[in-house]
Amino acid sequence: MTNPTDTAPPSAAPAGGSVDPRLLEILVCPVTKGPLRYDRERGELISDKAGLAYPIRDGIPIMLPDEARRLDG
C-alpha cells in the first residue's frame, strides 16, 4: 500500500504527457511541412524552421499555428 503523501517529482513525466513515438515519426510542422523535435521537458513539439513550439495536452499534440508558442531567439 502506498502512502497518500507520496507524490511523484514534477520531473517524472513530461508537462504534456507522453506521446506515441510512432506518431512523432509521422508528424510534421503544419506551417513549413518540416520535421519536428520533441522537447520532453516542456511537453512540446518544436519546429525550428518556423520558430514555433506546439503544445501537447493530455498526450495529444495541438498542431494549430494559433495555439503554438513563438520561440525567442
PDB file of N, CA and C in Angstrom:
ATOM      1  N   MET A   1       0.856  -1.179   0.000  1.00  0.00           N
ATOM      2  CA  MET A   1       0.000   0.000   0.000  1.00  0.00           C
ATOM      3  C   MET A   1       0.894   1.232   0.000  1.00  0.00           C
ATOM      4  N   THR A   2       0.508   2.250  -0.760  1.00  0.00           N
ATOM      5  CA  THR A   2       1.318   3.450  -0.846  1.00  0.00           C
ATOM      6  C   THR A   2       0.847   4.490   0.153  1.00  0.00           C
ATOM      7  N   ASN A   3       1.767   5.329   0.529  1.00  0.00           N
ATOM      8  CA  ASN A   3       1.477   6.412   1.450  1.00  0.00           C
ATOM      9  C   ASN A   3       0.799   7.538   0.682  1.00  0.00           C
ATOM     10  N   PRO A   4      -0.352   8.050   1.126  1.00  0.00           N
ATOM     11  CA  PRO A   4      -1.050   9.110   0.384  1.00  0.00           C
ATOM     12  C   PRO A   4      -0.235  10.397   0.263  1.00  0.00           C
ATOM     13  N   THR A   5       0.774  10.563   1.086  1.00  0.00           N
ATOM     14  CA  THR A   5       1.580  11.778   0.981  1.00  0.00           C
ATOM     15  C   THR A   5       2.696  11.637  -0.042  1.00  0.00           C
ATOM     16  N   ASP A   6       2.912  10.409  -0.551  1.00  0.00           N
ATOM     17  CA  ASP A   6       3.932  10.211  -1.578  1.00  0.00           C
ATOM     18  C   ASP A   6       3.422  10.743  -2.911  1.00  0.00           C
ATOM     19  N   THR A   7       4.230  11.554  -3.547  1.00  0.00           N
ATOM     20  CA  THR A   7       3.887  12.051  -4.880  1.00  0.00           C
ATOM     21  C   THR A   7       5.111  11.934  -5.748  1.00  0.00           C
ATOM     22  N   ALA A   8       4.879  11.818  -7.041  1.00  0.00           N
ATOM     23  CA  ALA A   8       5.986  11.749  -7.986  1.00  0.00           C
ATOM     24  C   ALA A   8       6.596  13.130  -8.128  1.00  0.00           C
ATOM     25  N   PRO A   9       7.894  13.206  -8.316  1.00  0.00           N
ATOM     26  CA  PRO A   9       8.508  14.515  -8.531  1.00  0.00           C
ATOM     27  C   PRO A   9       8.015  15.128  -9.834  1.00  0.00           C
ATOM     28  N   PRO A  10       7.979  16.460  -9.910  1.00  0.00           N
ATOM     29  CA  PRO A  10       7.465  17.123 -11.115  1.00  0.00           C
ATOM     30  C   PRO A  10       8.196  16.707 -12.388  1.00  0.00           C
ATOM     31  N   SER A  11       9.452  16.310 -12.278  1.00  0.00           N
ATOM     32  CA  SER A  11      10.210  15.951 -13.470  1.00  0.00           C
ATOM     33  C   SER A  11       9.960  14.514 -13.912  1.00  0.00           C
ATOM     34  N   ALA A  12       9.100  13.783 -13.218  1.00  0.00           N
ATOM     35  CA  ALA A  12       8.883  12.376 -13.538  1.00  0.00           C
ATOM     36  C   ALA A  12       8.196  12.186 -14.880  1.00  0.00           C
ATOM     37  N   ALA A  13       7.354  13.101 -15.289  1.00  0.00           N
ATOM     38  CA  ALA A  13       6.638  12.977 -16.556  1.00  0.00           C
ATOM     39  C   ALA A  13       6.683  14.302 -17.291  1.00  0.00           C
ATOM     40  N   PRO A  14       6.657  14.252 -18.614  1.00  0.00           N
ATOM     41  CA  PRO A  14       6.639  15.491 -19.376  1.00  0.00           C
ATOM     42  C   PRO A  14       5.380  16.305 -19.085  1.00  0.00           C
ATOM     43  N   ALA A  15       5.485  17.602 -19.258  1.00  0.00           N
ATOM     44  CA  ALA A  15       4.385  18.501 -18.937  1.00  0.00           C
ATOM     45  C   ALA A  15       3.095  18.151 -19.680  1.00  0.00           C
ATOM     46  N   GLY A  16       3.206  17.774 -20.951  1.00  0.00           N
ATOM     47  CA  GLY A  16       2.009  17.499 -21.741  1.00  0.00           C
ATOM     48  C   GLY A  16       1.622  16.041 -21.787  1.00  0.00           C
ATOM     49  N   GLY A  17       2.337  15.202 -21.068  1.00  0.00           N
ATOM     50  CA  GLY A  17       2.084  13.774 -21.122  1.00  0.00           C
ATOM     51  C   GLY A  17       2.958  13.134 -22.183  1.00  0.00           C
ATOM     52  N   SER A  18       2.938  11.814 -22.194  1.00  0.00           N
ATOM     53  CA  SER A  18       3.767  11.116 -23.174  1.00  0.00           C
ATOM     54  C   SER A  18       3.056  11.070 -24.514  1.00  0.00           C
ATOM     55  N   VAL A  19       3.846  10.960 -25.566  1.00  0.00           N
ATOM     56  CA  VAL A  19       3.329  10.914 -26.923  1.00  0.00           C
ATOM     57  C   VAL A  19       3.805   9.621 -27.557  1.00  0.00           C
ATOM     58  N   ASP A  20       2.941   8.988 -28.307  1.00  0.00           N
ATOM     59  CA  ASP A  20       3.285   7.751 -29.002  1.00  0.00           C
ATOM     60  C   ASP A  20       4.456   8.016 -29.956  1.00  0.00           C
ATOM     61  N   PRO A  21       5.565   7.300 -29.796  1.00  0.00           N
ATOM     62  CA  PRO A  21       6.731   7.523 -30.656  1.00  0.00           C
ATOM     63  C   PRO A  21       6.416   7.341 -32.138  1.00  0.00           C
ATOM     64  N   ARG A  22       5.488   6.452 -32.461  1.00  0.00           N
ATOM     65  CA  ARG A  22       5.119   6.268 -33.879  1.00  0.00           C
ATOM     66  C   ARG A  22       4.466   7.524 -34.442  1.00  0.00           C
ATOM     67  N   LEU A  23       3.702   8.219 -33.611  1.00  0.00           N
ATOM     68  CA  LEU A  23       3.062   9.463 -34.035  1.00  0.00           C
ATOM     69  C   LEU A  23       4.123  10.533 -34.285  1.00  0.00           C
ATOM     70  N   LEU A  24       5.122  10.592 -33.415  1.00  0.00           N
ATOM     71  CA  LEU A  24       6.184  11.583 -33.583  1.00  0.00           C
ATOM     72  C   LEU A  24       6.942  11.388 -34.898  1.00  0.00           C
ATOM     73  N   GLU A  25       7.026  10.153 -35.359  1.00  0.00           N
ATOM     74  CA  GLU A  25       7.739   9.866 -36.604  1.00  0.00           C
ATOM     75  C   GLU A  25       7.031  10.417 -37.830  1.00  0.00           C
ATOM     76  N   ILE A  26       5.700  10.556 -37.774  1.00  0.00           N
ATOM     77  CA  ILE A  26       4.959  10.975 -38.969  1.00  0.00           C
ATOM     78  C   ILE A  26       4.488  12.428 -38.933  1.00  0.00           C
ATOM     79  N   LEU A  27       4.502  13.051 -37.755  1.00  0.00           N
ATOM     80  CA  LEU A  27       4.048  14.443 -37.664  1.00  0.00           C
ATOM     81  C   LEU A  27       5.068  15.393 -38.284  1.00  0.00           C
ATOM     82  N   VAL A  28       4.568  16.421 -38.952  1.00  0.00           N
ATOM     83  CA  VAL A  28       5.401  17.497 -39.484  1.00  0.00           C
ATOM     84  C   VAL A  28       4.770  18.827 -39.102  1.00  0.00           C
ATOM     85  N   CYS A  29       5.545  19.880 -39.188  1.00  0.00           N
ATOM     86  CA  CYS A  29       5.037  21.223 -38.904  1.00  0.00           C
ATOM     87  C   CYS A  29       3.971  21.583 -39.937  1.00  0.00           C
ATOM     88  N   PRO A  30       2.797  22.035 -39.509  1.00  0.00           N
ATOM     89  CA  PRO A  30       1.753  22.409 -40.461  1.00  0.00           C
ATOM     90  C   PRO A  30       2.089  23.669 -41.262  1.00  0.00           C
ATOM     91  N   VAL A  31       3.027  24.462 -40.784  1.00  0.00           N
ATOM     92  CA  VAL A  31       3.409  25.695 -41.478  1.00  0.00           C
ATOM     93  C   VAL A  31       4.467  25.420 -42.549  1.00  0.00           C
ATOM     94  N   THR A  32       5.531  24.720 -42.150  1.00  0.00           N
ATOM     95  CA  THR A  32       6.663  24.501 -43.058  1.00  0.00           C
ATOM     96  C   THR A  32       6.678  23.113 -43.690  1.00  0.00           C
ATOM     97  N   LYS A  33       5.895  22.208 -43.168  1.00  0.00           N
ATOM     98  CA  LYS A  33       5.908  20.791 -43.568  1.00  0.00           C
ATOM     99  C   LYS A  33       7.252  20.142 -43.264  1.00  0.00           C
ATOM    100  N   GLY A  34       8.035  20.785 -42.392  1.00  0.00           N
ATOM    101  CA  GLY A  34       9.338  20.281 -41.997  1.00  0.00           C
ATOM    102  C   GLY A  34       9.261  19.433 -40.744  1.00  0.00           C
ATOM    103  N   PRO A  35      10.402  18.879 -40.353  1.00  0.00           N
ATOM    104  CA  PRO A  35      10.446  17.991 -39.187  1.00  0.00           C
ATOM    105  C   PRO A  35      10.217  18.731 -37.872  1.00  0.00           C
ATOM    106  N   LEU A  36       9.787  17.958 -36.885  1.00  0.00           N
ATOM    107  CA  LEU A  36       9.583  18.461 -35.528  1.00  0.00           C
ATOM    108  C   LEU A  36      10.492  17.687 -34.592  1.00  0.00           C
ATOM    109  N   ARG A  37      10.893  18.341 -33.529  1.00  0.00           N
ATOM    110  CA  ARG A  37      11.627  17.617 -32.484  1.00  0.00           C
ATOM    111  C   ARG A  37      10.825  17.723 -31.197  1.00  0.00           C
ATOM    112  N   TYR A  38      10.906  16.677 -30.408  1.00  0.00           N
ATOM    113  CA  TYR A  38      10.134  16.573 -29.181  1.00  0.00           C
ATOM    114  C   TYR A  38      10.944  17.115 -28.020  1.00  0.00           C
ATOM    115  N   ASP A  39      10.416  18.139 -27.357  1.00  0.00           N
ATOM    116  CA  ASP A  39      11.017  18.670 -26.137  1.00  0.00           C
ATOM    117  C   ASP A  39      10.273  18.034 -24.974  1.00  0.00           C
ATOM    118  N   ARG A  40      10.832  16.964 -24.448  1.00  0.00           N
ATOM    119  CA  ARG A  40      10.180  16.195 -23.393  1.00  0.00           C
ATOM    120  C   ARG A  40       9.979  17.024 -22.128  1.00  0.00           C
ATOM    121  N   GLU A  41      10.970  17.832 -21.771  1.00  0.00           N
ATOM    122  CA  GLU A  41      10.904  18.624 -20.545  1.00  0.00           C
ATOM    123  C   GLU A  41       9.745  19.617 -20.559  1.00  0.00           C
ATOM    124  N   ARG A  42       9.528  20.259 -21.709  1.00  0.00           N
ATOM    125  CA  ARG A  42       8.452  21.261 -21.807  1.00  0.00           C
ATOM    126  C   ARG A  42       7.150  20.684 -22.328  1.00  0.00           C
ATOM    127  N   GLY A  43       7.186  19.451 -22.847  1.00  0.00           N
ATOM    128  CA  GLY A  43       5.971  18.847 -23.383  1.00  0.00           C
ATOM    129  C   GLY A  43       5.504  19.548 -24.639  1.00  0.00           C
ATOM    130  N   GLU A  44       6.443  19.779 -25.564  1.00  0.00           N
ATOM    131  CA  GLU A  44       6.128  20.496 -26.799  1.00  0.00           C
ATOM    132  C   GLU A  44       6.805  19.823 -27.987  1.00  0.00           C
ATOM    133  N   LEU A  45       6.237  20.076 -29.160  1.00  0.00           N
ATOM    134  CA  LEU A  45       6.886  19.706 -30.407  1.00  0.00           C
ATOM    135  C   LEU A  45       7.423  20.988 -31.026  1.00  0.00           C
ATOM    136  N   ILE A  46       8.707  20.989 -31.349  1.00  0.00           N
ATOM    137  CA  ILE A  46       9.390  22.193 -31.798  1.00  0.00           C
ATOM    138  C   ILE A  46       9.632  22.148 -33.298  1.00  0.00           C
ATOM    139  N   SER A  47       9.245  23.215 -33.975  1.00  0.00           N
ATOM    140  CA  SER A  47       9.605  23.423 -35.378  1.00  0.00           C
ATOM    141  C   SER A  47      10.653  24.520 -35.407  1.00  0.00           C
ATOM    142  N   ASP A  48      11.915  24.103 -35.560  1.00  0.00           N
ATOM    143  CA  ASP A  48      12.994  25.090 -35.591  1.00  0.00           C
ATOM    144  C   ASP A  48      12.870  26.002 -36.803  1.00  0.00           C
ATOM    145  N   LYS A  49      12.452  25.459 -37.919  1.00  0.00           N
ATOM    146  CA  LYS A  49      12.342  26.241 -39.159  1.00  0.00           C
ATOM    147  C   LYS A  49      11.277  27.340 -39.036  1.00  0.00           C
ATOM    148  N   ALA A  50      10.149  27.020 -38.407  1.00  0.00           N
ATOM    149  CA  ALA A  50       9.064  28.001 -38.241  1.00  0.00           C
ATOM    150  C   ALA A  50       9.246  28.847 -36.989  1.00  0.00           C
ATOM    151  N   GLY A  51      10.097  28.388 -36.066  1.00  0.00           N
ATOM    152  CA  GLY A  51      10.268  29.107 -34.810  1.00  0.00           C
ATOM    153  C   GLY A  51       9.054  28.992 -33.909  1.00  0.00           C
ATOM    154  N   LEU A  52       8.400  27.820 -33.948  1.00  0.00           N
ATOM    155  CA  LEU A  52       7.183  27.602 -33.171  1.00  0.00           C
ATOM    156  C   LEU A  52       7.310  26.351 -32.310  1.00  0.00           C
ATOM    157  N   ALA A  53       6.615  26.379 -31.182  1.00  0.00           N
ATOM    158  CA  ALA A  53       6.540  25.225 -30.288  1.00  0.00           C
ATOM    159  C   ALA A  53       5.070  24.873 -30.113  1.00  0.00           C
ATOM    160  N   TYR A  54       4.703  23.689 -30.564  1.00  0.00           N
ATOM    161  CA  TYR A  54       3.320  23.231 -30.487  1.00  0.00           C
ATOM    162  C   TYR A  54       3.111  22.495 -29.162  1.00  0.00           C
ATOM    163  N   PRO A  55       2.073  22.860 -28.411  1.00  0.00           N
ATOM    164  CA  PRO A  55       1.857  22.217 -27.110  1.00  0.00           C
ATOM    165  C   PRO A  55       1.337  20.792 -27.258  1.00  0.00           C
ATOM    166  N   ILE A  56       1.565  20.014 -26.228  1.00  0.00           N
ATOM    167  CA  ILE A  56       0.993  18.671 -26.133  1.00  0.00           C
ATOM    168  C   ILE A  56       0.123  18.679 -24.885  1.00  0.00           C
ATOM    169  N   ARG A  57      -1.149  18.387 -25.076  1.00  0.00           N
ATOM    170  CA  ARG A  57      -2.100  18.395 -23.962  1.00  0.00           C
ATOM    171  C   ARG A  57      -2.695  17.004 -23.802  1.00  0.00           C
ATOM    172  N   ASP A  58      -2.539  16.443 -22.632  1.00  0.00           N
ATOM    173  CA  ASP A  58      -3.044  15.096 -22.340  1.00  0.00           C
ATOM    174  C   ASP A  58      -2.562  14.084 -23.370  1.00  0.00           C
ATOM    175  N   GLY A  59      -1.311  14.245 -23.813  1.00  0.00           N
ATOM    176  CA  GLY A  59      -0.725  13.316 -24.763  1.00  0.00           C
ATOM    177  C   GLY A  59      -1.102  13.564 -26.207  1.00  0.00           C
ATOM    178  N   ILE A  60      -1.849  14.644 -26.485  1.00  0.00           N
ATOM    179  CA  ILE A  60      -2.298  14.946 -27.845  1.00  0.00           C
ATOM    180  C   ILE A  60      -1.590  16.201 -28.342  1.00  0.00           C
ATOM    181  N   PRO A  61      -0.813  16.097 -29.421  1.00  0.00           N
ATOM    182  CA  PRO A  61      -0.174  17.282 -29.987  1.00  0.00           C
ATOM    183  C   PRO A  61      -1.231  18.224 -30.572  1.00  0.00           C
ATOM    184  N   ILE A  62      -1.154  19.488 -30.219  1.00  0.00           N
ATOM    185  CA  ILE A  62      -2.075  20.505 -30.739  1.00  0.00           C
ATOM    186  C   ILE A  62      -1.343  21.201 -31.889  1.00  0.00           C
ATOM    187  N   MET A  63      -1.644  20.774 -33.108  1.00  0.00           N
ATOM    188  CA  MET A  63      -0.888  21.213 -34.279  1.00  0.00           C
ATOM    189  C   MET A  63      -1.549  22.406 -34.977  1.00  0.00           C
ATOM    190  N   LEU A  64      -1.979  23.377 -34.203  1.00  0.00           N
ATOM    191  CA  LEU A  64      -2.596  24.589 -34.738  1.00  0.00           C
ATOM    192  C   LEU A  64      -1.631  25.758 -34.553  1.00  0.00           C
ATOM    193  N   PRO A  65      -1.263  26.435 -35.635  1.00  0.00           N
ATOM    194  CA  PRO A  65      -0.335  27.569 -35.502  1.00  0.00           C
ATOM    195  C   PRO A  65      -0.810  28.623 -34.498  1.00  0.00           C
ATOM    196  N   ASP A  66      -2.109  28.827 -34.389  1.00  0.00           N
ATOM    197  CA  ASP A  66      -2.631  29.813 -33.436  1.00  0.00           C
ATOM    198  C   ASP A  66      -2.408  29.396 -31.975  1.00  0.00           C
ATOM    199  N   GLU A  67      -2.234  28.105 -31.735  1.00  0.00           N
ATOM    200  CA  GLU A  67      -2.004  27.590 -30.382  1.00  0.00           C
ATOM    201  C   GLU A  67      -0.519  27.474 -30.063  1.00  0.00           C
ATOM    202  N   ALA A  68       0.325  27.628 -31.067  1.00  0.00           N
ATOM    203  CA  ALA A  68       1.770  27.443 -30.889  1.00  0.00           C
ATOM    204  C   ALA A  68       2.392  28.657 -30.184  1.00  0.00           C
ATOM    205  N   ARG A  69       3.466  28.367 -29.483  1.00  0.00           N
ATOM    206  CA  ARG A  69       4.249  29.411 -28.817  1.00  0.00           C
ATOM    207  C   ARG A  69       5.403  29.791 -29.718  1.00  0.00           C
ATOM    208  N   ARG A  70       5.619  31.087 -29.872  1.00  0.00           N
ATOM    209  CA  ARG A  70       6.775  31.562 -30.648  1.00  0.00           C
ATOM    210  C   ARG A  70       8.040  31.346 -29.863  1.00  0.00           C
ATOM    211  N   LEU A  71       9.059  30.859 -30.535  1.00  0.00           N
ATOM    212  CA  LEU A  71      10.355  30.655 -29.903  1.00  0.00           C
ATOM    213  C   LEU A  71      11.124  31.963 -29.937  1.00  0.00           C
ATOM    214  N   ASP A  72      11.755  32.300 -28.841  1.00  0.00           N
ATOM    215  CA  ASP A  72      12.576  33.504 -28.800  1.00  0.00           C
ATOM    216  C   ASP A  72      13.968  33.165 -29.306  1.00  0.00           C
ATOM    217  N   GLY A  73      14.551  34.114 -30.012  1.00  0.00           N
ATOM    218  CA  GLY A  73      15.930  33.915 -30.455  1.00  0.00           C
ATOM    219  C   GLY A  73      15.977  33.693 -31.867  1.00  0.00           C
TER     220      GLY A  73
END
